[in-house]
Amino acid sequence: MFDKTQGAMQNIAGRVQEAFGAATGDAGTEYEGKARRVAGGARYGYGQVVEQLRESAVKNPVGTVAIVAGVCFVAGALWASKR
């Protein structure tokens, strides 16, 4: 939940910074605001995923462990094949 809140705040700060840059004609500030807004959206999305994983782990712990094990196995196999 903390990541979602922090992402939303970063998104709002980015929008303000972007608007300020557009109003003053400062392209650098405007682009920094856009970057901050995008980073905030990514952090918010990450927070949602983490929250859903926690809820899934509480409702179905065995299934969650099986899914995580499968993802780790696939990631390990991909990483080993690149060496």
C-alpha atoms as a PDB file:
ATOM      1  CA  MET A   1       0.000   0.000   0.000  1.00  0.00           C
ATOM      2  CA  PHE A   2       2.920   2.322   0.688  1.00  0.00           C
ATOM      3  CA  ASP A   3       4.183   1.933  -2.893  1.00  0.00           C
ATOM      4  CA  LYS A   4       0.761   2.775  -4.293  1.00  0.00           C
ATOM      5  CA  THR A   5       0.532   5.922  -2.169  1.00  0.00           C
ATOM      6  CA  GLN A   6       4.054   6.981  -2.983  1.00  0.00           C
ATOM      7  CA  GLY A   7       3.464   6.329  -6.686  1.00  0.00           C
ATOM      8  CA  ALA A   8       0.290   8.409  -6.669  1.00  0.00           C
ATOM      9  CA  MET A   9       2.082  11.282  -4.946  1.00  0.00           C
ATOM     10  CA  GLN A  10       4.967  11.096  -7.399  1.00  0.00           C
ATOM     11  CA  ASN A  11       2.470  11.113 -10.274  1.00  0.00           C
ATOM     12  CA  ILE A  12       0.795  14.251  -8.908  1.00  0.00           C
ATOM     13  CA  ALA A  13       4.162  15.959  -8.341  1.00  0.00           C
ATOM     14  CA  GLY A  14       5.134  15.107 -11.915  1.00  0.00           C
ATOM     15  CA  ARG A  15       1.939  16.605 -13.276  1.00  0.00           C
ATOM     16  CA  VAL A  16       2.532  19.825 -11.318  1.00  0.00           C
ATOM     17  CA  GLN A  17       6.154  20.020 -12.444  1.00  0.00           C
ATOM     18  CA  GLU A  18       5.148  19.318 -16.044  1.00  0.00           C
ATOM     19  CA  ALA A  19       2.509  22.053 -15.959  1.00  0.00           C
ATOM     20  CA  PHE A  20       4.964  24.498 -14.385  1.00  0.00           C
ATOM     21  CA  GLY A  21       7.530  23.756 -17.079  1.00  0.00           C
ATOM     22  CA  ALA A  22       4.934  24.241 -19.803  1.00  0.00           C
ATOM     23  CA  ALA A  23       3.719  27.513 -18.277  1.00  0.00           C
ATOM     24  CA  THR A  24       7.221  28.953 -17.943  1.00  0.00           C
ATOM     25  CA  GLY A  25       8.476  27.591 -21.252  1.00  0.00           C
ATOM     26  CA  ASP A  26      11.192  25.525 -19.560  1.00  0.00           C
ATOM     27  CA  ALA A  27      11.388  22.326 -21.601  1.00  0.00           C
ATOM     28  CA  GLY A  28      13.806  20.662 -19.145  1.00  0.00           C
ATOM     29  CA  THR A  29      11.422  21.080 -16.226  1.00  0.00           C
ATOM     30  CA  GLU A  30       8.528  19.895 -18.354  1.00  0.00           C
ATOM     31  CA  TYR A  31      10.399  16.720 -19.378  1.00  0.00           C
ATOM     32  CA  GLU A  32      11.467  16.071 -15.784  1.00  0.00           C
ATOM     33  CA  GLY A  33       7.803  16.295 -14.800  1.00  0.00           C
ATOM     34  CA  LYS A  34       6.838  13.804 -17.496  1.00  0.00           C
ATOM     35  CA  ALA A  35       9.553  11.426 -16.333  1.00  0.00           C
ATOM     36  CA  ARG A  36       8.444  11.787 -12.707  1.00  0.00           C
ATOM     37  CA  ARG A  37       4.824  11.144 -13.737  1.00  0.00           C
ATOM     38  CA  VAL A  38       5.791   7.970 -15.617  1.00  0.00           C
ATOM     39  CA  ALA A  39       7.913   6.749 -12.693  1.00  0.00           C
ATOM     40  CA  GLY A  40       5.000   7.408 -10.346  1.00  0.00           C
ATOM     41  CA  GLY A  41       2.682   5.374 -12.542  1.00  0.00           C
ATOM     42  CA  ALA A  42       5.160   2.499 -12.599  1.00  0.00           C
ATOM     43  CA  ARG A  43       5.540   2.587  -8.820  1.00  0.00           C
ATOM     44  CA  TYR A  44       1.757   2.633  -8.393  1.00  0.00           C
ATOM     45  CA  GLY A  45       1.460  -0.409 -10.678  1.00  0.00           C
ATOM     46  CA  TYR A  46       4.181  -2.195  -8.721  1.00  0.00           C
ATOM     47  CA  GLY A  47       2.269  -1.482  -5.521  1.00  0.00           C
ATOM     48  CA  GLN A  48      -0.879  -2.983  -7.003  1.00  0.00           C
ATOM     49  CA  VAL A  49       0.954  -6.162  -8.009  1.00  0.00           C
ATOM     50  CA  VAL A  50       2.503  -6.550  -4.555  1.00  0.00           C
ATOM     51  CA  GLU A  51      -0.876  -5.996  -2.905  1.00  0.00           C
ATOM     52  CA  GLN A  52      -2.518  -8.622  -5.124  1.00  0.00           C
ATOM     53  CA  LEU A  53       0.260 -11.106  -4.374  1.00  0.00           C
ATOM     54  CA  ARG A  54      -0.208 -10.592  -0.643  1.00  0.00           C
ATOM     55  CA  GLU A  55      -3.949 -11.140  -0.932  1.00  0.00           C
ATOM     56  CA  SER A  56      -3.374 -14.254  -3.039  1.00  0.00           C
ATOM     57  CA  ALA A  57      -0.874 -15.622  -0.533  1.00  0.00           C
ATOM     58  CA  VAL A  58      -3.376 -15.212   2.296  1.00  0.00           C
ATOM     59  CA  LYS A  59      -6.254 -16.819   0.382  1.00  0.00           C
ATOM     60  CA  ASN A  60      -4.304 -19.641  -1.262  1.00  0.00           C
ATOM     61  CA  PRO A  61      -0.795 -20.083   0.150  1.00  0.00           C
ATOM     62  CA  VAL A  62      -0.044 -23.420  -1.555  1.00  0.00           C
ATOM     63  CA  GLY A  63      -1.061 -22.139  -4.986  1.00  0.00           C
ATOM     64  CA  THR A  64       0.973 -18.976  -4.512  1.00  0.00           C
ATOM     65  CA  VAL A  65       4.083 -20.961  -3.584  1.00  0.00           C
ATOM     66  CA  ALA A  66       3.589 -23.182  -6.632  1.00  0.00           C
ATOM     67  CA  ILE A  67       3.285 -20.165  -8.941  1.00  0.00           C
ATOM     68  CA  VAL A  68       6.356 -18.483  -7.452  1.00  0.00           C
ATOM     69  CA  ALA A  69       8.336 -21.706  -7.764  1.00  0.00           C
ATOM     70  CA  GLY A  70       7.303 -22.027 -11.415  1.00  0.00           C
ATOM     71  CA  VAL A  71       8.273 -18.448 -12.199  1.00  0.00           C
ATOM     72  CA  CYS A  72      11.637 -18.909 -10.476  1.00  0.00           C
ATOM     73  CA  PHE A  73      12.249 -22.134 -12.388  1.00  0.00           C
ATOM     74  CA  VAL A  74      11.529 -20.477 -15.737  1.00  0.00           C
ATOM     75  CA  ALA A  75      13.664 -17.438 -14.860  1.00  0.00           C
ATOM     76  CA  GLY A  76      16.532 -19.722 -13.807  1.00  0.00           C
ATOM     77  CA  ALA A  77      16.267 -21.767 -16.987  1.00  0.00           C
ATOM     78  CA  LEU A  78      16.323 -18.615 -19.123  1.00  0.00           C
ATOM     79  CA  TRP A  79      19.268 -17.213 -17.201  1.00  0.00           C
ATOM     80  CA  ALA A  80      21.205 -20.500 -17.448  1.00  0.00           C
ATOM     81  CA  SER A  81      20.611 -20.734 -21.203  1.00  0.00           C
ATOM     82  CA  LYS A  82      22.170 -17.312 -21.772  1.00  0.00           C
ATOM     83  CA  ARG A  83      25.494 -18.341 -20.235  1.00  0.00           C
END
